[in-house]
Amino acid sequence: MFDEADLPKKKTDLLAELAREDLDRLSIAELDDRIAALEAEAARSRAKRAGAAQFRSAADALFKK
């Protein structure tokens, strides 16, 4: 059998976990690193969304009646 702990976490669980993380224990440098990593992830998500929107537009145009 398998253990449910071995299953991947839902993305909402990961976001909630991130939001609950105690920031008080982090130094200024660690906070700067965290901010940079979150900004990079936001940029990656925006780029993926833009690509998906372009693909959707192209598909809509191709199959438009």
PDB file of N, CA and C in Angstrom:
ATOM      1  N   MET A   1       0.824  -1.183   0.000  1.00  0.00           N
ATOM      2  CA  MET A   1       0.000   0.000   0.000  1.00  0.00           C
ATOM      3  C   MET A   1       0.873   1.253   0.000  1.00  0.00           C
ATOM      4  N   PHE A   2       0.201   2.389   0.012  1.00  0.00           N
ATOM      5  CA  PHE A   2       0.927   3.651   0.039  1.00  0.00           C
ATOM      6  C   PHE A   2       0.450   4.506   1.201  1.00  0.00           C
ATOM      7  N   ASP A   3       1.278   5.422   1.544  1.00  0.00           N
ATOM      8  CA  ASP A   3       0.962   6.344   2.636  1.00  0.00           C
ATOM      9  C   ASP A   3       0.553   7.683   2.017  1.00  0.00           C
ATOM     10  N   GLU A   4      -0.523   8.274   2.510  1.00  0.00           N
ATOM     11  CA  GLU A   4      -0.985   9.539   1.952  1.00  0.00           C
ATOM     12  C   GLU A   4       0.065  10.632   2.078  1.00  0.00           C
ATOM     13  N   ALA A   5       0.956  10.510   3.024  1.00  0.00           N
ATOM     14  CA  ALA A   5       2.029  11.500   3.184  1.00  0.00           C
ATOM     15  C   ALA A   5       2.981  11.479   1.992  1.00  0.00           C
ATOM     16  N   ASP A   6       3.001  10.352   1.251  1.00  0.00           N
ATOM     17  CA  ASP A   6       3.869  10.247   0.084  1.00  0.00           C
ATOM     18  C   ASP A   6       3.290  10.954  -1.133  1.00  0.00           C
ATOM     19  N   LEU A   7       1.998  11.265  -1.096  1.00  0.00           N
ATOM     20  CA  LEU A   7       1.363  11.924  -2.229  1.00  0.00           C
ATOM     21  C   LEU A   7       1.784  13.385  -2.291  1.00  0.00           C
ATOM     22  N   PRO A   8       1.826  13.951  -3.498  1.00  0.00           N
ATOM     23  CA  PRO A   8       2.188  15.367  -3.588  1.00  0.00           C
ATOM     24  C   PRO A   8       1.130  16.236  -2.917  1.00  0.00           C
ATOM     25  N   LYS A   9       1.580  17.332  -2.340  1.00  0.00           N
ATOM     26  CA  LYS A   9       0.653  18.251  -1.696  1.00  0.00           C
ATOM     27  C   LYS A   9      -0.095  19.047  -2.749  1.00  0.00           C
ATOM     28  N   LYS A  10      -1.313  19.449  -2.407  1.00  0.00           N
ATOM     29  CA  LYS A  10      -2.065  20.318  -3.295  1.00  0.00           C
ATOM     30  C   LYS A  10      -1.398  21.682  -3.303  1.00  0.00           C
ATOM     31  N   LYS A  11      -1.487  22.374  -4.441  1.00  0.00           N
ATOM     32  CA  LYS A  11      -0.821  23.668  -4.517  1.00  0.00           C
ATOM     33  C   LYS A  11      -1.396  24.651  -3.513  1.00  0.00           C
ATOM     34  N   THR A  12      -2.673  24.546  -3.217  1.00  0.00           N
ATOM     35  CA  THR A  12      -3.246  25.444  -2.217  1.00  0.00           C
ATOM     36  C   THR A  12      -2.636  25.177  -0.853  1.00  0.00           C
ATOM     37  N   ASP A  13      -2.315  23.926  -0.562  1.00  0.00           N
ATOM     38  CA  ASP A  13      -1.654  23.604   0.696  1.00  0.00           C
ATOM     39  C   ASP A  13      -0.274  24.250   0.754  1.00  0.00           C
ATOM     40  N   LEU A  14       0.436  24.231  -0.350  1.00  0.00           N
ATOM     41  CA  LEU A  14       1.770  24.826  -0.390  1.00  0.00           C
ATOM     42  C   LEU A  14       1.702  26.334  -0.200  1.00  0.00           C
ATOM     43  N   LEU A  15       0.720  26.983  -0.823  1.00  0.00           N
ATOM     44  CA  LEU A  15       0.570  28.429  -0.657  1.00  0.00           C
ATOM     45  C   LEU A  15       0.173  28.781   0.768  1.00  0.00           C
ATOM     46  N   ALA A  16      -0.720  28.002   1.351  1.00  0.00           N
ATOM     47  CA  ALA A  16      -1.120  28.246   2.732  1.00  0.00           C
ATOM     48  C   ALA A  16       0.058  28.036   3.675  1.00  0.00           C
ATOM     49  N   GLU A  17       0.839  27.019   3.415  1.00  0.00           N
ATOM     50  CA  GLU A  17       2.013  26.743   4.239  1.00  0.00           C
ATOM     51  C   GLU A  17       3.007  27.895   4.144  1.00  0.00           C
ATOM     52  N   LEU A  18       3.195  28.399   2.950  1.00  0.00           N
ATOM     53  CA  LEU A  18       4.093  29.531   2.732  1.00  0.00           C
ATOM     54  C   LEU A  18       3.602  30.762   3.494  1.00  0.00           C
ATOM     55  N   ALA A  19       2.303  31.005   3.464  1.00  0.00           N
ATOM     56  CA  ALA A  19       1.729  32.161   4.144  1.00  0.00           C
ATOM     57  C   ALA A  19       1.816  32.027   5.669  1.00  0.00           C
ATOM     58  N   ARG A  20       1.814  30.807   6.171  1.00  0.00           N
ATOM     59  CA  ARG A  20       1.885  30.577   7.624  1.00  0.00           C
ATOM     60  C   ARG A  20       3.310  30.592   8.163  1.00  0.00           C
ATOM     61  N   GLU A  21       4.281  30.548   7.284  1.00  0.00           N
ATOM     62  CA  GLU A  21       5.667  30.464   7.738  1.00  0.00           C
ATOM     63  C   GLU A  21       6.019  31.680   8.608  1.00  0.00           C
ATOM     64  N   ASP A  22       6.700  31.423   9.716  1.00  0.00           N
ATOM     65  CA  ASP A  22       7.110  32.475  10.636  1.00  0.00           C
ATOM     66  C   ASP A  22       8.276  33.247  10.034  1.00  0.00           C
ATOM     67  N   LEU A  23       8.038  34.515   9.745  1.00  0.00           N
ATOM     68  CA  LEU A  23       9.079  35.349   9.144  1.00  0.00           C
ATOM     69  C   LEU A  23       9.962  36.011  10.199  1.00  0.00           C
ATOM     70  N   ASP A  24       9.536  35.975  11.451  1.00  0.00           N
ATOM     71  CA  ASP A  24      10.293  36.623  12.527  1.00  0.00           C
ATOM     72  C   ASP A  24      11.689  36.038  12.699  1.00  0.00           C
ATOM     73  N   ARG A  25      11.841  34.786  12.370  1.00  0.00           N
ATOM     74  CA  ARG A  25      13.136  34.125  12.588  1.00  0.00           C
ATOM     75  C   ARG A  25      14.132  34.397  11.452  1.00  0.00           C
ATOM     76  N   LEU A  26      13.688  35.058  10.380  1.00  0.00           N
ATOM     77  CA  LEU A  26      14.550  35.291   9.224  1.00  0.00           C
ATOM     78  C   LEU A  26      15.320  36.602   9.356  1.00  0.00           C
ATOM     79  N   SER A  27      16.558  36.575   8.886  1.00  0.00           N
ATOM     80  CA  SER A  27      17.373  37.789   8.870  1.00  0.00           C
ATOM     81  C   SER A  27      16.954  38.660   7.686  1.00  0.00           C
ATOM     82  N   ILE A  28      17.467  39.865   7.648  1.00  0.00           N
ATOM     83  CA  ILE A  28      17.168  40.765   6.532  1.00  0.00           C
ATOM     84  C   ILE A  28      17.639  40.144   5.221  1.00  0.00           C
ATOM     85  N   ALA A  29      18.815  39.551   5.213  1.00  0.00           N
ATOM     86  CA  ALA A  29      19.339  38.912   4.000  1.00  0.00           C
ATOM     87  C   ALA A  29      18.444  37.750   3.569  1.00  0.00           C
ATOM     88  N   GLU A  30      17.991  36.968   4.550  1.00  0.00           N
ATOM     89  CA  GLU A  30      17.104  35.845   4.220  1.00  0.00           C
ATOM     90  C   GLU A  30      15.761  36.349   3.698  1.00  0.00           C
ATOM     91  N   LEU A  31      15.262  37.436   4.268  1.00  0.00           N
ATOM     92  CA  LEU A  31      14.024  38.028   3.766  1.00  0.00           C
ATOM     93  C   LEU A  31      14.210  38.554   2.348  1.00  0.00           C
ATOM     94  N   ASP A  32      15.362  39.174   2.088  1.00  0.00           N
ATOM     95  CA  ASP A  32      15.650  39.641   0.725  1.00  0.00           C
ATOM     96  C   ASP A  32      15.693  38.472  -0.259  1.00  0.00           C
ATOM     97  N   ASP A  33      16.314  37.373   0.142  1.00  0.00           N
ATOM     98  CA  ASP A  33      16.369  36.177  -0.709  1.00  0.00           C
ATOM     99  C   ASP A  33      14.970  35.619  -0.956  1.00  0.00           C
ATOM    100  N   ARG A  34      14.163  35.613   0.087  1.00  0.00           N
ATOM    101  CA  ARG A  34      12.786  35.107  -0.024  1.00  0.00           C
ATOM    102  C   ARG A  34      11.984  35.972  -0.989  1.00  0.00           C
ATOM    103  N   ILE A  35      12.106  37.286  -0.846  1.00  0.00           N
ATOM    104  CA  ILE A  35      11.399  38.217  -1.729  1.00  0.00           C
ATOM    105  C   ILE A  35      11.840  38.013  -3.176  1.00  0.00           C
ATOM    106  N   ALA A  36      13.135  37.874  -3.390  1.00  0.00           N
ATOM    107  CA  ALA A  36      13.648  37.661  -4.751  1.00  0.00           C
ATOM    108  C   ALA A  36      13.114  36.360  -5.342  1.00  0.00           C
ATOM    109  N   ALA A  37      13.082  35.315  -4.529  1.00  0.00           N
ATOM    110  CA  ALA A  37      12.577  34.024  -5.009  1.00  0.00           C
ATOM    111  C   ALA A  37      11.081  34.111  -5.328  1.00  0.00           C
ATOM    112  N   LEU A  38      10.321  34.789  -4.467  1.00  0.00           N
ATOM    113  CA  LEU A  38       8.882  34.939  -4.717  1.00  0.00           C
ATOM    114  C   LEU A  38       8.629  35.797  -5.955  1.00  0.00           C
ATOM    115  N   GLU A  39       9.418  36.848  -6.141  1.00  0.00           N
ATOM    116  CA  GLU A  39       9.266  37.680  -7.331  1.00  0.00           C
ATOM    117  C   GLU A  39       9.610  36.899  -8.592  1.00  0.00           C
ATOM    118  N   ALA A  40      10.637  36.058  -8.519  1.00  0.00           N
ATOM    119  CA  ALA A  40      11.007  35.228  -9.674  1.00  0.00           C
ATOM    120  C   ALA A  40       9.894  34.233  -9.996  1.00  0.00           C
ATOM    121  N   GLU A  41       9.288  33.658  -8.976  1.00  0.00           N
ATOM    122  CA  GLU A  41       8.192  32.714  -9.195  1.00  0.00           C
ATOM    123  C   GLU A  41       6.974  33.426  -9.775  1.00  0.00           C
ATOM    124  N   ALA A  42       6.710  34.644  -9.299  1.00  0.00           N
ATOM    125  CA  ALA A  42       5.600  35.424  -9.845  1.00  0.00           C
ATOM    126  C   ALA A  42       5.849  35.740 -11.319  1.00  0.00           C
ATOM    127  N   ALA A  43       7.069  36.100 -11.662  1.00  0.00           N
ATOM    128  CA  ALA A  43       7.415  36.382 -13.064  1.00  0.00           C
ATOM    129  C   ALA A  43       7.262  35.122 -13.917  1.00  0.00           C
ATOM    130  N   ARG A  44       7.675  33.992 -13.393  1.00  0.00           N
ATOM    131  CA  ARG A  44       7.541  32.728 -14.126  1.00  0.00           C
ATOM    132  C   ARG A  44       6.065  32.398 -14.350  1.00  0.00           C
ATOM    133  N   SER A  45       5.257  32.624 -13.334  1.00  0.00           N
ATOM    134  CA  SER A  45       3.815  32.371 -13.447  1.00  0.00           C
ATOM    135  C   SER A  45       3.169  33.311 -14.456  1.00  0.00           C
ATOM    136  N   ARG A  46       3.565  34.590 -14.429  1.00  0.00           N
ATOM    137  CA  ARG A  46       3.027  35.550 -15.403  1.00  0.00           C
ATOM    138  C   ARG A  46       3.407  35.164 -16.832  1.00  0.00           C
ATOM    139  N   ALA A  47       4.647  34.729 -17.024  1.00  0.00           N
ATOM    140  CA  ALA A  47       5.095  34.324 -18.360  1.00  0.00           C
ATOM    141  C   ALA A  47       4.320  33.094 -18.840  1.00  0.00           C
ATOM    142  N   LYS A  48       4.091  32.152 -17.959  1.00  0.00           N
ATOM    143  CA  LYS A  48       3.325  30.949 -18.316  1.00  0.00           C
ATOM    144  C   LYS A  48       1.893  31.322 -18.670  1.00  0.00           C
ATOM    145  N   ARG A  49       1.308  32.239 -17.894  1.00  0.00           N
ATOM    146  CA  ARG A  49      -0.058  32.686 -18.166  1.00  0.00           C
ATOM    147  C   ARG A  49      -0.142  33.399 -19.511  1.00  0.00           C
ATOM    148  N   ALA A  50       0.840  34.243 -19.798  1.00  0.00           N
ATOM    149  CA  ALA A  50       0.851  34.961 -21.077  1.00  0.00           C
ATOM    150  C   ALA A  50       0.954  33.981 -22.242  1.00  0.00           C
ATOM    151  N   GLY A  51       1.807  32.978 -22.098  1.00  0.00           N
ATOM    152  CA  GLY A  51       1.931  31.957 -23.139  1.00  0.00           C
ATOM    153  C   GLY A  51       0.644  31.179 -23.333  1.00  0.00           C
ATOM    154  N   ALA A  52      -0.006  30.846 -22.226  1.00  0.00           N
ATOM    155  CA  ALA A  52      -1.272  30.111 -22.307  1.00  0.00           C
ATOM    156  C   ALA A  52      -2.346  30.972 -22.963  1.00  0.00           C
ATOM    157  N   ALA A  53      -2.352  32.267 -22.658  1.00  0.00           N
ATOM    158  CA  ALA A  53      -3.333  33.169 -23.263  1.00  0.00           C
ATOM    159  C   ALA A  53      -3.097  33.292 -24.770  1.00  0.00           C
ATOM    160  N   GLN A  54      -1.841  33.368 -25.174  1.00  0.00           N
ATOM    161  CA  GLN A  54      -1.522  33.429 -26.608  1.00  0.00           C
ATOM    162  C   GLN A  54      -1.954  32.148 -27.303  1.00  0.00           C
ATOM    163  N   PHE A  55      -1.683  31.023 -26.686  1.00  0.00           N
ATOM    164  CA  PHE A  55      -2.080  29.739 -27.266  1.00  0.00           C
ATOM    165  C   PHE A  55      -3.597  29.675 -27.400  1.00  0.00           C
ATOM    166  N   ARG A  56      -4.295  30.113 -26.375  1.00  0.00           N
ATOM    167  CA  ARG A  56      -5.760  30.105 -26.394  1.00  0.00           C
ATOM    168  C   ARG A  56      -6.290  31.010 -27.502  1.00  0.00           C
ATOM    169  N   SER A  57      -5.699  32.189 -27.663  1.00  0.00           N
ATOM    170  CA  SER A  57      -6.112  33.110 -28.720  1.00  0.00           C
ATOM    171  C   SER A  57      -5.898  32.495 -30.098  1.00  0.00           C
ATOM    172  N   ALA A  58      -4.752  31.856 -30.272  1.00  0.00           N
ATOM    173  CA  ALA A  58      -4.458  31.218 -31.556  1.00  0.00           C
ATOM    174  C   ALA A  58      -5.441  30.084 -31.830  1.00  0.00           C
ATOM    175  N   ALA A  59      -5.749  29.295 -30.822  1.00  0.00           N
ATOM    176  CA  ALA A  59      -6.699  28.195 -30.987  1.00  0.00           C
ATOM    177  C   ALA A  59      -8.096  28.741 -31.289  1.00  0.00           C
ATOM    178  N   ASP A  60      -8.502  29.786 -30.573  1.00  0.00           N
ATOM    179  CA  ASP A  60      -9.806  30.389 -30.820  1.00  0.00           C
ATOM    180  C   ASP A  60      -9.902  30.928 -32.240  1.00  0.00           C
ATOM    181  N   ALA A  61      -8.828  31.577 -32.698  1.00  0.00           N
ATOM    182  CA  ALA A  61      -8.815  32.119 -34.057  1.00  0.00           C
ATOM    183  C   ALA A  61      -8.881  31.000 -35.101  1.00  0.00           C
ATOM    184  N   LEU A  62      -8.193  29.920 -34.838  1.00  0.00           N
ATOM    185  CA  LEU A  62      -8.166  28.806 -35.779  1.00  0.00           C
ATOM    186  C   LEU A  62      -9.523  28.130 -35.894  1.00  0.00           C
ATOM    187  N   PHE A  63     -10.209  27.976 -34.780  1.00  0.00           N
ATOM    188  CA  PHE A  63     -11.471  27.258 -34.771  1.00  0.00           C
ATOM    189  C   PHE A  63     -12.698  28.163 -34.753  1.00  0.00           C
ATOM    190  N   LYS A  64     -12.460  29.451 -34.970  1.00  0.00           N
ATOM    191  CA  LYS A  64     -13.565  30.415 -34.966  1.00  0.00           C
ATOM    192  C   LYS A  64     -14.507  30.112 -36.128  1.00  0.00           C
ATOM    193  N   LYS A  65     -15.803  30.231 -35.865  1.00  0.00           N
ATOM    194  CA  LYS A  65     -16.806  29.944 -36.892  1.00  0.00           C
ATOM    195  C   LYS A  65     -16.923  31.058 -37.887  1.00  0.00           C
TER     196      LYS A  65
END
